[in-house]
């Protein structure tokens, strides 16, 4: 039995922080759902408000919260009530009034369901490829925990500050901004969700982004706080999901697609990275990580396969040297150009 005298509102809040919002790693308290708590000698009553038209989500939150509180306070009567409220913004995602980056025409997230699939490499080369098509391009490194853009584009300087805002660094005809420009390269970024949320918004609002045709967001892997913050802060025009051909990567890629669909972000398509290897000696194609996985998966989940990027030492060497392979004119860079053109056409013709 739990001693009712020892139960406080702060303890109940800590218990509720163990409950994740359905479909996300972020907890229901940080989502701002908690309205008030009532505690007496026999019961704990929790009242929440959820701005959503998804009644099932409210039922899930009630069940998850009640289960957690029963586990933490055995013997107490637990009541959890979620009041459903109509969302303030009922318009489609592309009609939402945004507060960030309003001077940039198109905003596209480059994401992956898991790490190690080459998402940042693809994002950097897509940015360069889009610039080669004639568009003005920016890239925001939203991978707060593992910013790799500074290395991949060979920038080791601090961004300029005009007394009010910092300015992105231009290189290869692309405007770059990364948390990696602002912290020591050897320093681990250990932040909770609220700090990630604030940092991302500052990289959008406190940076003097010029007028651009498009900005790409290099997202951290997975389906966590950064993805949620971005989808809530701006009206994304689409998300591009990067995967490799293996089943284990494609399973997580599907999760990434589902996450963006839950927050009403259009899926522009799937990119299969490390798709195949062409022997430089004989020209034979070898499917090192299986073949056709992304194509089959894209059909199952009704998304377009935007392209297949080969395994090639030039891609790795370009990333290590800070000179993306898309800068060159060869068959490898052409693969990125083709994907960039498809993305561009989808945005122009939507």
C-alpha atoms as a PDB file:
ATOM      1  CA  UNK A   1       0.000   0.000   0.000  1.00  0.00           C
ATOM      2  CA  UNK A   2       1.138   3.517  -0.749  1.00  0.00           C
ATOM      3  CA  UNK A   3       1.149   6.067   2.072  1.00  0.00           C
ATOM      4  CA  UNK A   4      -1.139   8.859   0.749  1.00  0.00           C
ATOM      5  CA  UNK A   5       0.700  11.393   2.884  1.00  0.00           C
ATOM      6  CA  UNK A   6       3.824  10.870   0.817  1.00  0.00           C
ATOM      7  CA  UNK A   7       2.170  11.417  -2.559  1.00  0.00           C
ATOM      8  CA  UNK A   8       2.733  14.930  -3.883  1.00  0.00           C
ATOM      9  CA  UNK A   9       1.876  16.620  -7.147  1.00  0.00           C
ATOM     10  CA  UNK A  10       5.569  16.723  -8.046  1.00  0.00           C
ATOM     11  CA  UNK A  11       5.822  12.952  -7.590  1.00  0.00           C
ATOM     12  CA  UNK A  12       2.758  12.390  -9.758  1.00  0.00           C
ATOM     13  CA  UNK A  13       4.220  14.633 -12.450  1.00  0.00           C
ATOM     14  CA  UNK A  14       7.453  12.631 -12.379  1.00  0.00           C
ATOM     15  CA  UNK A  15       5.395   9.468 -12.856  1.00  0.00           C
ATOM     16  CA  UNK A  16       3.583  10.982 -15.816  1.00  0.00           C
ATOM     17  CA  UNK A  17       6.924  11.911 -17.368  1.00  0.00           C
ATOM     18  CA  UNK A  18       7.487   8.182 -17.820  1.00  0.00           C
ATOM     19  CA  UNK A  19       4.510   8.046 -20.197  1.00  0.00           C
ATOM     20  CA  UNK A  20       5.362   8.696 -23.847  1.00  0.00           C
ATOM     21  CA  UNK A  21       2.992  10.471 -26.199  1.00  0.00           C
ATOM     22  CA  UNK A  22       1.670   7.805 -28.600  1.00  0.00           C
ATOM     23  CA  UNK A  23       4.082   7.396 -31.494  1.00  0.00           C
ATOM     24  CA  UNK A  24       6.855   9.574 -30.030  1.00  0.00           C
ATOM     25  CA  UNK A  25       9.660   9.331 -27.494  1.00  0.00           C
ATOM     26  CA  UNK A  26       8.666  12.619 -25.882  1.00  0.00           C
ATOM     27  CA  UNK A  27       6.556  12.388 -22.691  1.00  0.00           C
ATOM     28  CA  UNK A  28       3.003  13.670 -22.201  1.00  0.00           C
ATOM     29  CA  UNK A  29       4.066  16.285 -19.625  1.00  0.00           C
ATOM     30  CA  UNK A  30       6.519  17.968 -21.999  1.00  0.00           C
ATOM     31  CA  UNK A  31       3.738  17.975 -24.602  1.00  0.00           C
ATOM     32  CA  UNK A  32       1.828  20.294 -22.276  1.00  0.00           C
ATOM     33  CA  UNK A  33      -1.180  17.983 -21.826  1.00  0.00           C
ATOM     34  CA  UNK A  34      -1.363  18.188 -18.027  1.00  0.00           C
ATOM     35  CA  UNK A  35      -4.079  20.511 -16.706  1.00  0.00           C
ATOM     36  CA  UNK A  36      -4.279  19.782 -12.981  1.00  0.00           C
ATOM     37  CA  UNK A  37      -3.955  17.048 -10.333  1.00  0.00           C
ATOM     38  CA  UNK A  38      -6.124  16.230  -7.321  1.00  0.00           C
ATOM     39  CA  UNK A  39      -4.825  14.063  -4.461  1.00  0.00           C
ATOM     40  CA  UNK A  40      -6.695  12.880  -1.376  1.00  0.00           C
ATOM     41  CA  UNK A  41      -6.381  10.037   1.126  1.00  0.00           C
ATOM     42  CA  UNK A  42      -7.646   7.395  -1.267  1.00  0.00           C
ATOM     43  CA  UNK A  43      -7.228   8.643  -4.796  1.00  0.00           C
ATOM     44  CA  UNK A  44      -5.108  10.393  -7.366  1.00  0.00           C
ATOM     45  CA  UNK A  45      -6.995  12.188 -10.118  1.00  0.00           C
ATOM     46  CA  UNK A  46      -5.235  13.543 -13.187  1.00  0.00           C
ATOM     47  CA  UNK A  47      -6.883  15.884 -15.665  1.00  0.00           C
ATOM     48  CA  UNK A  48      -5.395  16.544 -19.092  1.00  0.00           C
ATOM     49  CA  UNK A  49      -6.382  18.471 -22.199  1.00  0.00           C
ATOM     50  CA  UNK A  50      -5.514  17.238 -25.671  1.00  0.00           C
ATOM     51  CA  UNK A  51      -5.899  19.437 -28.742  1.00  0.00           C
ATOM     52  CA  UNK A  52      -6.542  16.764 -31.325  1.00  0.00           C
ATOM     53  CA  UNK A  53      -9.338  15.342 -33.420  1.00  0.00           C
ATOM     54  CA  UNK A  54      -7.943  11.835 -32.854  1.00  0.00           C
ATOM     55  CA  UNK A  55     -10.163  10.407 -30.085  1.00  0.00           C
ATOM     56  CA  UNK A  56      -8.240   7.130 -30.074  1.00  0.00           C
ATOM     57  CA  UNK A  57      -5.086   8.979 -29.088  1.00  0.00           C
ATOM     58  CA  UNK A  58      -6.874  10.400 -26.041  1.00  0.00           C
ATOM     59  CA  UNK A  59      -8.005   6.896 -25.030  1.00  0.00           C
ATOM     60  CA  UNK A  60      -4.428   5.602 -25.370  1.00  0.00           C
ATOM     61  CA  UNK A  61      -3.039   8.410 -23.214  1.00  0.00           C
ATOM     62  CA  UNK A  62      -5.633   7.711 -20.516  1.00  0.00           C
ATOM     63  CA  UNK A  63      -4.768   3.999 -20.522  1.00  0.00           C
ATOM     64  CA  UNK A  64      -0.989   4.508 -20.506  1.00  0.00           C
ATOM     65  CA  UNK A  65      -1.102   7.152 -17.759  1.00  0.00           C
ATOM     66  CA  UNK A  66      -3.433   5.104 -15.554  1.00  0.00           C
ATOM     67  CA  UNK A  67      -1.265   2.004 -15.931  1.00  0.00           C
ATOM     68  CA  UNK A  68       1.849   3.958 -14.906  1.00  0.00           C
ATOM     69  CA  UNK A  69       0.175   5.565 -11.884  1.00  0.00           C
ATOM     70  CA  UNK A  70      -1.252   2.228 -10.697  1.00  0.00           C
ATOM     71  CA  UNK A  71       2.256   0.770 -10.879  1.00  0.00           C
ATOM     72  CA  UNK A  72       3.796   3.682  -8.967  1.00  0.00           C
ATOM     73  CA  UNK A  73       1.037   4.048  -6.341  1.00  0.00           C
ATOM     74  CA  UNK A  74      -0.441   0.608  -5.594  1.00  0.00           C
ATOM     75  CA  UNK A  75      -3.567   0.634  -3.473  1.00  0.00           C
ATOM     76  CA  UNK A  76      -4.610   4.117  -4.541  1.00  0.00           C
ATOM     77  CA  UNK A  77      -7.679   4.758  -6.674  1.00  0.00           C
ATOM     78  CA  UNK A  78      -6.456   6.222  -9.950  1.00  0.00           C
ATOM     79  CA  UNK A  79      -8.558   8.328 -12.280  1.00  0.00           C
ATOM     80  CA  UNK A  80      -7.226   9.838 -15.510  1.00  0.00           C
ATOM     81  CA  UNK A  81      -9.355  12.097 -17.667  1.00  0.00           C
ATOM     82  CA  UNK A  82      -8.330  13.486 -21.055  1.00  0.00           C
ATOM     83  CA  UNK A  83     -10.524  16.279 -22.347  1.00  0.00           C
ATOM     84  CA  UNK A  84     -10.468  16.387 -26.137  1.00  0.00           C
ATOM     85  CA  UNK A  85     -10.333  19.860 -27.648  1.00  0.00           C
ATOM     86  CA  UNK A  86     -10.583  20.857 -31.294  1.00  0.00           C
ATOM     87  CA  UNK A  87      -7.153  21.775 -32.711  1.00  0.00           C
ATOM     88  CA  UNK A  88      -6.638  25.512 -33.139  1.00  0.00           C
ATOM     89  CA  UNK A  89      -5.260  24.893 -36.609  1.00  0.00           C
ATOM     90  CA  UNK A  90      -7.513  22.693 -38.695  1.00  0.00           C
ATOM     91  CA  UNK A  91      -6.132  23.684 -42.086  1.00  0.00           C
ATOM     92  CA  UNK A  92      -3.899  21.335 -44.087  1.00  0.00           C
ATOM     93  CA  UNK A  93      -0.191  21.398 -43.286  1.00  0.00           C
ATOM     94  CA  UNK A  94       0.671  23.415 -46.362  1.00  0.00           C
ATOM     95  CA  UNK A  95      -1.778  26.115 -45.298  1.00  0.00           C
ATOM     96  CA  UNK A  96      -0.500  26.525 -41.740  1.00  0.00           C
ATOM     97  CA  UNK A  97       0.646  30.052 -40.860  1.00  0.00           C
ATOM     98  CA  UNK A  98       4.292  29.605 -39.935  1.00  0.00           C
ATOM     99  CA  UNK A  99       6.464  31.758 -37.715  1.00  0.00           C
ATOM    100  CA  UNK A 100       9.848  30.628 -38.963  1.00  0.00           C
ATOM    101  CA  UNK A 101      11.603  30.873 -42.326  1.00  0.00           C
ATOM    102  CA  UNK A 102       8.688  32.582 -44.046  1.00  0.00           C
ATOM    103  CA  UNK A 103      11.104  34.046 -46.630  1.00  0.00           C
ATOM    104  CA  UNK A 104      12.039  30.559 -47.872  1.00  0.00           C
ATOM    105  CA  UNK A 105       9.764  29.067 -50.491  1.00  0.00           C
ATOM    106  CA  UNK A 106      10.145  25.329 -49.935  1.00  0.00           C
ATOM    107  CA  UNK A 107      11.098  23.448 -46.766  1.00  0.00           C
ATOM    108  CA  UNK A 108      12.027  19.770 -46.990  1.00  0.00           C
ATOM    109  CA  UNK A 109      13.210  17.367 -44.281  1.00  0.00           C
ATOM    110  CA  UNK A 110      15.786  14.703 -45.122  1.00  0.00           C
ATOM    111  CA  UNK A 111      15.245  11.937 -42.589  1.00  0.00           C
ATOM    112  CA  UNK A 112      15.935   8.281 -41.841  1.00  0.00           C
ATOM    113  CA  UNK A 113      14.414   5.715 -39.545  1.00  0.00           C
ATOM    114  CA  UNK A 114      17.819   4.628 -38.246  1.00  0.00           C
ATOM    115  CA  UNK A 115      21.418   5.794 -38.144  1.00  0.00           C
ATOM    116  CA  UNK A 116      24.178   4.620 -40.433  1.00  0.00           C
ATOM    117  CA  UNK A 117      22.293   4.792 -43.731  1.00  0.00           C
ATOM    118  CA  UNK A 118      24.159   7.844 -45.057  1.00  0.00           C
ATOM    119  CA  UNK A 119      21.382  10.378 -44.513  1.00  0.00           C
ATOM    120  CA  UNK A 120      23.704  13.346 -43.930  1.00  0.00           C
ATOM    121  CA  UNK A 121      25.822  12.410 -46.943  1.00  0.00           C
ATOM    122  CA  UNK A 122      22.675  12.340 -49.070  1.00  0.00           C
ATOM    123  CA  UNK A 123      21.416  15.629 -47.608  1.00  0.00           C
ATOM    124  CA  UNK A 124      24.677  17.464 -48.304  1.00  0.00           C
ATOM    125  CA  UNK A 125      24.939  16.185 -51.862  1.00  0.00           C
ATOM    126  CA  UNK A 126      21.278  16.940 -52.553  1.00  0.00           C
ATOM    127  CA  UNK A 127      21.834  20.522 -51.401  1.00  0.00           C
ATOM    128  CA  UNK A 128      24.791  20.908 -53.746  1.00  0.00           C
ATOM    129  CA  UNK A 129      22.895  19.183 -56.576  1.00  0.00           C
ATOM    130  CA  UNK A 130      19.868  21.460 -56.135  1.00  0.00           C
ATOM    131  CA  UNK A 131      22.160  24.479 -56.270  1.00  0.00           C
ATOM    132  CA  UNK A 132      23.623  23.153 -59.532  1.00  0.00           C
ATOM    133  CA  UNK A 133      20.096  23.114 -60.990  1.00  0.00           C
ATOM    134  CA  UNK A 134      19.908  26.874 -60.462  1.00  0.00           C
ATOM    135  CA  UNK A 135      18.012  27.100 -57.194  1.00  0.00           C
ATOM    136  CA  UNK A 136      19.121  29.127 -54.182  1.00  0.00           C
ATOM    137  CA  UNK A 137      19.601  26.560 -51.432  1.00  0.00           C
ATOM    138  CA  UNK A 138      20.152  26.359 -47.702  1.00  0.00           C
ATOM    139  CA  UNK A 139      20.777  23.413 -45.385  1.00  0.00           C
ATOM    140  CA  UNK A 140      20.088  23.422 -41.659  1.00  0.00           C
ATOM    141  CA  UNK A 141      21.804  20.671 -39.717  1.00  0.00           C
ATOM    142  CA  UNK A 142      19.015  19.630 -37.341  1.00  0.00           C
ATOM    143  CA  UNK A 143      20.984  16.633 -36.077  1.00  0.00           C
ATOM    144  CA  UNK A 144      21.704  18.319 -32.754  1.00  0.00           C
ATOM    145  CA  UNK A 145      23.354  15.295 -31.121  1.00  0.00           C
ATOM    146  CA  UNK A 146      25.624  14.358 -34.021  1.00  0.00           C
ATOM    147  CA  UNK A 147      26.190  17.358 -36.333  1.00  0.00           C
ATOM    148  CA  UNK A 148      28.341  16.169 -39.220  1.00  0.00           C
ATOM    149  CA  UNK A 149      27.762  18.927 -41.764  1.00  0.00           C
ATOM    150  CA  UNK A 150      30.842  21.009 -40.775  1.00  0.00           C
ATOM    151  CA  UNK A 151      33.145  18.094 -41.644  1.00  0.00           C
ATOM    152  CA  UNK A 152      31.297  17.115 -44.803  1.00  0.00           C
ATOM    153  CA  UNK A 153      31.507  20.598 -46.306  1.00  0.00           C
ATOM    154  CA  UNK A 154      34.908  21.524 -44.869  1.00  0.00           C
ATOM    155  CA  UNK A 155      33.831  24.443 -42.672  1.00  0.00           C
ATOM    156  CA  UNK A 156      35.740  24.987 -39.418  1.00  0.00           C
ATOM    157  CA  UNK A 157      34.950  28.648 -38.830  1.00  0.00           C
ATOM    158  CA  UNK A 158      32.362  30.348 -36.662  1.00  0.00           C
ATOM    159  CA  UNK A 159      29.383  31.931 -38.420  1.00  0.00           C
ATOM    160  CA  UNK A 160      29.413  35.756 -38.534  1.00  0.00           C
ATOM    161  CA  UNK A 161      27.325  37.680 -36.001  1.00  0.00           C
ATOM    162  CA  UNK A 162      25.930  41.136 -36.762  1.00  0.00           C
ATOM    163  CA  UNK A 163      24.981  42.022 -33.200  1.00  0.00           C
ATOM    164  CA  UNK A 164      21.449  40.702 -33.553  1.00  0.00           C
ATOM    165  CA  UNK A 165      21.577  37.493 -35.550  1.00  0.00           C
ATOM    166  CA  UNK A 166      24.159  35.009 -36.757  1.00  0.00           C
ATOM    167  CA  UNK A 167      24.479  34.418 -40.477  1.00  0.00           C
ATOM    168  CA  UNK A 168      24.738  31.115 -42.309  1.00  0.00           C
ATOM    169  CA  UNK A 169      28.037  30.318 -43.986  1.00  0.00           C
ATOM    170  CA  UNK A 170      27.977  30.167 -47.773  1.00  0.00           C
ATOM    171  CA  UNK A 171      30.044  27.574 -49.584  1.00  0.00           C
ATOM    172  CA  UNK A 172      29.474  25.675 -52.830  1.00  0.00           C
ATOM    173  CA  UNK A 173      26.569  28.081 -53.534  1.00  0.00           C
ATOM    174  CA  UNK A 174      24.693  26.732 -50.510  1.00  0.00           C
ATOM    175  CA  UNK A 175      23.894  28.482 -47.210  1.00  0.00           C
ATOM    176  CA  UNK A 176      24.947  26.192 -44.331  1.00  0.00           C
ATOM    177  CA  UNK A 177      24.061  26.326 -40.638  1.00  0.00           C
ATOM    178  CA  UNK A 178      24.834  23.741 -37.976  1.00  0.00           C
ATOM    179  CA  UNK A 179      25.052  23.543 -34.199  1.00  0.00           C
ATOM    180  CA  UNK A 180      28.464  22.096 -34.999  1.00  0.00           C
ATOM    181  CA  UNK A 181      29.609  25.599 -36.006  1.00  0.00           C
ATOM    182  CA  UNK A 182      28.839  26.810 -32.485  1.00  0.00           C
ATOM    183  CA  UNK A 183      30.177  24.054 -30.208  1.00  0.00           C
ATOM    184  CA  UNK A 184      33.524  22.328 -29.877  1.00  0.00           C
ATOM    185  CA  UNK A 185      33.826  19.445 -32.359  1.00  0.00           C
ATOM    186  CA  UNK A 186      35.002  17.143 -29.567  1.00  0.00           C
ATOM    187  CA  UNK A 187      32.242  18.160 -27.160  1.00  0.00           C
ATOM    188  CA  UNK A 188      29.293  15.799 -26.718  1.00  0.00           C
ATOM    189  CA  UNK A 189      25.902  17.517 -26.889  1.00  0.00           C
ATOM    190  CA  UNK A 190      23.885  16.051 -24.005  1.00  0.00           C
ATOM    191  CA  UNK A 191      20.523  17.800 -24.034  1.00  0.00           C
ATOM    192  CA  UNK A 192      17.013  16.903 -22.998  1.00  0.00           C
ATOM    193  CA  UNK A 193      14.082  17.306 -25.345  1.00  0.00           C
ATOM    194  CA  UNK A 194      13.228  20.859 -24.265  1.00  0.00           C
ATOM    195  CA  UNK A 195      16.748  22.063 -25.087  1.00  0.00           C
ATOM    196  CA  UNK A 196      16.670  20.351 -28.478  1.00  0.00           C
ATOM    197  CA  UNK A 197      13.337  22.067 -29.160  1.00  0.00           C
ATOM    198  CA  UNK A 198      14.759  25.475 -28.242  1.00  0.00           C
ATOM    199  CA  UNK A 199      17.994  24.974 -30.176  1.00  0.00           C
ATOM    200  CA  UNK A 200      16.172  24.046 -33.382  1.00  0.00           C
ATOM    201  CA  UNK A 201      13.881  27.031 -33.152  1.00  0.00           C
ATOM    202  CA  UNK A 202      16.870  29.314 -32.565  1.00  0.00           C
ATOM    203  CA  UNK A 203      18.661  27.892 -35.604  1.00  0.00           C
ATOM    204  CA  UNK A 204      15.598  28.926 -37.597  1.00  0.00           C
ATOM    205  CA  UNK A 205      14.626  32.203 -35.947  1.00  0.00           C
ATOM    206  CA  UNK A 206      17.922  33.623 -34.686  1.00  0.00           C
ATOM    207  CA  UNK A 207      19.776  33.021 -37.947  1.00  0.00           C
ATOM    208  CA  UNK A 208      19.566  35.620 -40.727  1.00  0.00           C
ATOM    209  CA  UNK A 209      18.522  33.231 -43.466  1.00  0.00           C
ATOM    210  CA  UNK A 210      18.391  34.959 -46.856  1.00  0.00           C
ATOM    211  CA  UNK A 211      15.539  34.534 -49.315  1.00  0.00           C
ATOM    212  CA  UNK A 212      15.912  31.015 -50.707  1.00  0.00           C
ATOM    213  CA  UNK A 213      14.119  28.706 -53.085  1.00  0.00           C
ATOM    214  CA  UNK A 214      14.542  25.764 -50.732  1.00  0.00           C
ATOM    215  CA  UNK A 215      15.991  24.762 -47.393  1.00  0.00           C
ATOM    216  CA  UNK A 216      16.821  21.158 -46.496  1.00  0.00           C
ATOM    217  CA  UNK A 217      16.783  19.957 -42.898  1.00  0.00           C
ATOM    218  CA  UNK A 218      19.270  17.206 -42.122  1.00  0.00           C
ATOM    219  CA  UNK A 219      17.280  15.452 -39.399  1.00  0.00           C
ATOM    220  CA  UNK A 220      18.668  13.199 -36.673  1.00  0.00           C
ATOM    221  CA  UNK A 221      17.895   9.508 -37.189  1.00  0.00           C
ATOM    222  CA  UNK A 222      14.743   8.070 -35.693  1.00  0.00           C
ATOM    223  CA  UNK A 223      11.393   9.587 -34.782  1.00  0.00           C
ATOM    224  CA  UNK A 224      11.994  11.834 -31.782  1.00  0.00           C
ATOM    225  CA  UNK A 225      11.959  15.373 -30.453  1.00  0.00           C
ATOM    226  CA  UNK A 226      13.662  17.105 -33.384  1.00  0.00           C
ATOM    227  CA  UNK A 227      11.185  15.708 -35.899  1.00  0.00           C
ATOM    228  CA  UNK A 228       8.244  16.750 -33.746  1.00  0.00           C
ATOM    229  CA  UNK A 229       9.643  20.239 -33.109  1.00  0.00           C
ATOM    230  CA  UNK A 230      10.216  20.854 -36.798  1.00  0.00           C
ATOM    231  CA  UNK A 231       6.775  19.652 -37.866  1.00  0.00           C
ATOM    232  CA  UNK A 232       5.131  21.836 -35.217  1.00  0.00           C
ATOM    233  CA  UNK A 233       7.216  24.960 -35.942  1.00  0.00           C
ATOM    234  CA  UNK A 234       6.957  25.248 -39.715  1.00  0.00           C
ATOM    235  CA  UNK A 235       4.839  23.972 -42.563  1.00  0.00           C
ATOM    236  CA  UNK A 236       7.102  21.408 -44.172  1.00  0.00           C
ATOM    237  CA  UNK A 237       6.502  20.947 -47.887  1.00  0.00           C
ATOM    238  CA  UNK A 238       7.691  17.384 -47.687  1.00  0.00           C
ATOM    239  CA  UNK A 239       9.989  14.774 -46.212  1.00  0.00           C
ATOM    240  CA  UNK A 240      12.515  12.596 -48.013  1.00  0.00           C
ATOM    241  CA  UNK A 241      13.341   9.288 -46.324  1.00  0.00           C
ATOM    242  CA  UNK A 242      16.810   7.762 -46.789  1.00  0.00           C
ATOM    243  CA  UNK A 243      17.372   4.039 -46.368  1.00  0.00           C
ATOM    244  CA  UNK A 244      19.677   1.266 -47.459  1.00  0.00           C
ATOM    245  CA  UNK A 245      18.436  -1.920 -49.178  1.00  0.00           C
ATOM    246  CA  UNK A 246      18.558  -4.202 -46.106  1.00  0.00           C
ATOM    247  CA  UNK A 247      15.307  -5.228 -44.447  1.00  0.00           C
ATOM    248  CA  UNK A 248      16.455  -3.941 -41.052  1.00  0.00           C
ATOM    249  CA  UNK A 249      16.891  -0.436 -42.478  1.00  0.00           C
ATOM    250  CA  UNK A 250      13.695  -0.529 -44.519  1.00  0.00           C
ATOM    251  CA  UNK A 251      11.621  -1.489 -41.478  1.00  0.00           C
ATOM    252  CA  UNK A 252      12.802   1.684 -39.741  1.00  0.00           C
ATOM    253  CA  UNK A 253      12.315   3.711 -42.915  1.00  0.00           C
ATOM    254  CA  UNK A 254       8.648   2.715 -42.865  1.00  0.00           C
ATOM    255  CA  UNK A 255       8.431   3.969 -39.273  1.00  0.00           C
ATOM    256  CA  UNK A 256       9.854   7.297 -40.433  1.00  0.00           C
ATOM    257  CA  UNK A 257       7.217   7.529 -43.141  1.00  0.00           C
ATOM    258  CA  UNK A 258       4.460   6.752 -40.646  1.00  0.00           C
ATOM    259  CA  UNK A 259       5.740   9.368 -38.196  1.00  0.00           C
ATOM    260  CA  UNK A 260       5.675  12.163 -40.767  1.00  0.00           C
ATOM    261  CA  UNK A 261       2.248  11.085 -41.960  1.00  0.00           C
ATOM    262  CA  UNK A 262       0.958  11.305 -38.388  1.00  0.00           C
ATOM    263  CA  UNK A 263       1.930  14.978 -38.263  1.00  0.00           C
ATOM    264  CA  UNK A 264       0.553  15.647 -41.770  1.00  0.00           C
ATOM    265  CA  UNK A 265       3.877  16.121 -43.551  1.00  0.00           C
ATOM    266  CA  UNK A 266       3.752  14.950 -47.200  1.00  0.00           C
ATOM    267  CA  UNK A 267       6.183  12.142 -48.066  1.00  0.00           C
ATOM    268  CA  UNK A 268       8.052  13.101 -51.213  1.00  0.00           C
ATOM    269  CA  UNK A 269       9.686   9.724 -51.588  1.00  0.00           C
ATOM    270  CA  UNK A 270      12.303   7.205 -50.584  1.00  0.00           C
ATOM    271  CA  UNK A 271      15.994   7.306 -51.543  1.00  0.00           C
ATOM    272  CA  UNK A 272      17.913   4.027 -51.531  1.00  0.00           C
ATOM    273  CA  UNK A 273      21.493   4.808 -50.532  1.00  0.00           C
ATOM    274  CA  UNK A 274      24.392   2.323 -50.944  1.00  0.00           C
ATOM    275  CA  UNK A 275      22.123   0.680 -53.474  1.00  0.00           C
ATOM    276  CA  UNK A 276      24.728  -1.100 -55.596  1.00  0.00           C
ATOM    277  CA  UNK A 277      28.440  -1.216 -56.438  1.00  0.00           C
ATOM    278  CA  UNK A 278      29.927  -0.863 -59.910  1.00  0.00           C
ATOM    279  CA  UNK A 279      33.329  -2.496 -60.210  1.00  0.00           C
ATOM    280  CA  UNK A 280      35.735   0.154 -61.550  1.00  0.00           C
ATOM    281  CA  UNK A 281      37.721  -2.567 -63.352  1.00  0.00           C
ATOM    282  CA  UNK A 282      35.094  -4.589 -65.195  1.00  0.00           C
ATOM    283  CA  UNK A 283      31.933  -2.503 -64.799  1.00  0.00           C
ATOM    284  CA  UNK A 284      29.982  -5.349 -63.183  1.00  0.00           C
ATOM    285  CA  UNK A 285      27.141  -4.325 -60.877  1.00  0.00           C
ATOM    286  CA  UNK A 286      27.053  -6.017 -57.462  1.00  0.00           C
ATOM    287  CA  UNK A 287      24.116  -5.585 -55.063  1.00  0.00           C
ATOM    288  CA  UNK A 288      26.090  -5.793 -51.834  1.00  0.00           C
ATOM    289  CA  UNK A 289      23.155  -5.111 -49.510  1.00  0.00           C
ATOM    290  CA  UNK A 290      20.511  -7.043 -51.461  1.00  0.00           C
ATOM    291  CA  UNK A 291      18.485  -5.649 -54.334  1.00  0.00           C
ATOM    292  CA  UNK A 292      15.068  -4.108 -54.896  1.00  0.00           C
ATOM    293  CA  UNK A 293      14.179  -3.702 -51.236  1.00  0.00           C
ATOM    294  CA  UNK A 294      13.455   0.013 -51.399  1.00  0.00           C
ATOM    295  CA  UNK A 295      11.474  -0.363 -54.606  1.00  0.00           C
ATOM    296  CA  UNK A 296       9.278  -3.088 -53.098  1.00  0.00           C
ATOM    297  CA  UNK A 297       8.827  -1.186 -49.837  1.00  0.00           C
ATOM    298  CA  UNK A 298       7.989   2.095 -51.564  1.00  0.00           C
ATOM    299  CA  UNK A 299       5.185   0.351 -53.475  1.00  0.00           C
ATOM    300  CA  UNK A 300       3.817  -1.220 -50.291  1.00  0.00           C
ATOM    301  CA  UNK A 301       3.595   2.106 -48.463  1.00  0.00           C
ATOM    302  CA  UNK A 302       2.570   4.095 -51.545  1.00  0.00           C
ATOM    303  CA  UNK A 303       5.562   6.421 -51.845  1.00  0.00           C
ATOM    304  CA  UNK A 304       7.789   7.143 -54.812  1.00  0.00           C
ATOM    305  CA  UNK A 305      11.288   5.734 -55.107  1.00  0.00           C
ATOM    306  CA  UNK A 306      13.201   8.937 -55.880  1.00  0.00           C
ATOM    307  CA  UNK A 307      16.458   7.256 -56.804  1.00  0.00           C
ATOM    308  CA  UNK A 308      19.225   4.787 -56.088  1.00  0.00           C
ATOM    309  CA  UNK A 309      22.609   6.073 -54.951  1.00  0.00           C
ATOM    310  CA  UNK A 310      25.553   3.687 -55.516  1.00  0.00           C
ATOM    311  CA  UNK A 311      28.345   2.761 -53.148  1.00  0.00           C
ATOM    312  CA  UNK A 312      31.414   4.565 -54.402  1.00  0.00           C
ATOM    313  CA  UNK A 313      34.663   5.570 -52.764  1.00  0.00           C
ATOM    314  CA  UNK A 314      34.323   9.051 -54.290  1.00  0.00           C
ATOM    315  CA  UNK A 315      31.277   9.711 -52.077  1.00  0.00           C
ATOM    316  CA  UNK A 316      33.186   8.732 -48.945  1.00  0.00           C
ATOM    317  CA  UNK A 317      36.307  10.628 -49.979  1.00  0.00           C
ATOM    318  CA  UNK A 318      34.318  13.760 -50.780  1.00  0.00           C
ATOM    319  CA  UNK A 319      32.634  13.712 -47.385  1.00  0.00           C
ATOM    320  CA  UNK A 320      35.929  13.250 -45.542  1.00  0.00           C
ATOM    321  CA  UNK A 321      37.619  16.000 -47.567  1.00  0.00           C
ATOM    322  CA  UNK A 322      34.754  18.486 -47.204  1.00  0.00           C
ATOM    323  CA  UNK A 323      34.125  18.473 -50.967  1.00  0.00           C
ATOM    324  CA  UNK A 324      30.796  16.720 -51.740  1.00  0.00           C
ATOM    325  CA  UNK A 325      30.916  14.452 -54.770  1.00  0.00           C
ATOM    326  CA  UNK A 326      27.913  16.275 -56.282  1.00  0.00           C
ATOM    327  CA  UNK A 327      30.322  19.116 -57.116  1.00  0.00           C
ATOM    328  CA  UNK A 328      31.932  16.890 -59.741  1.00  0.00           C
ATOM    329  CA  UNK A 329      30.658  15.858 -63.153  1.00  0.00           C
ATOM    330  CA  UNK A 330      30.551  12.078 -63.262  1.00  0.00           C
ATOM    331  CA  UNK A 331      28.107   9.192 -63.026  1.00  0.00           C
ATOM    332  CA  UNK A 332      28.076   9.317 -59.219  1.00  0.00           C
ATOM    333  CA  UNK A 333      27.216  13.014 -59.050  1.00  0.00           C
ATOM    334  CA  UNK A 334      24.631  12.450 -61.770  1.00  0.00           C
ATOM    335  CA  UNK A 335      22.730  10.118 -59.417  1.00  0.00           C
ATOM    336  CA  UNK A 336      22.310  12.994 -56.965  1.00  0.00           C
ATOM    337  CA  UNK A 337      21.395  15.425 -59.737  1.00  0.00           C
ATOM    338  CA  UNK A 338      18.639  13.093 -60.936  1.00  0.00           C
ATOM    339  CA  UNK A 339      17.157  12.856 -57.430  1.00  0.00           C
ATOM    340  CA  UNK A 340      17.427  16.630 -56.997  1.00  0.00           C
ATOM    341  CA  UNK A 341      15.578  17.190 -60.254  1.00  0.00           C
ATOM    342  CA  UNK A 342      12.791  14.834 -59.180  1.00  0.00           C
ATOM    343  CA  UNK A 343      12.403  16.658 -55.863  1.00  0.00           C
ATOM    344  CA  UNK A 344      12.406  20.007 -57.621  1.00  0.00           C
ATOM    345  CA  UNK A 345       9.750  18.895 -60.129  1.00  0.00           C
ATOM    346  CA  UNK A 346       7.531  17.470 -57.390  1.00  0.00           C
ATOM    347  CA  UNK A 347       7.630  20.782 -55.528  1.00  0.00           C
ATOM    348  CA  UNK A 348       6.944  22.852 -58.642  1.00  0.00           C
ATOM    349  CA  UNK A 349       4.098  20.623 -59.825  1.00  0.00           C
ATOM    350  CA  UNK A 350       2.340  19.775 -56.586  1.00  0.00           C
END
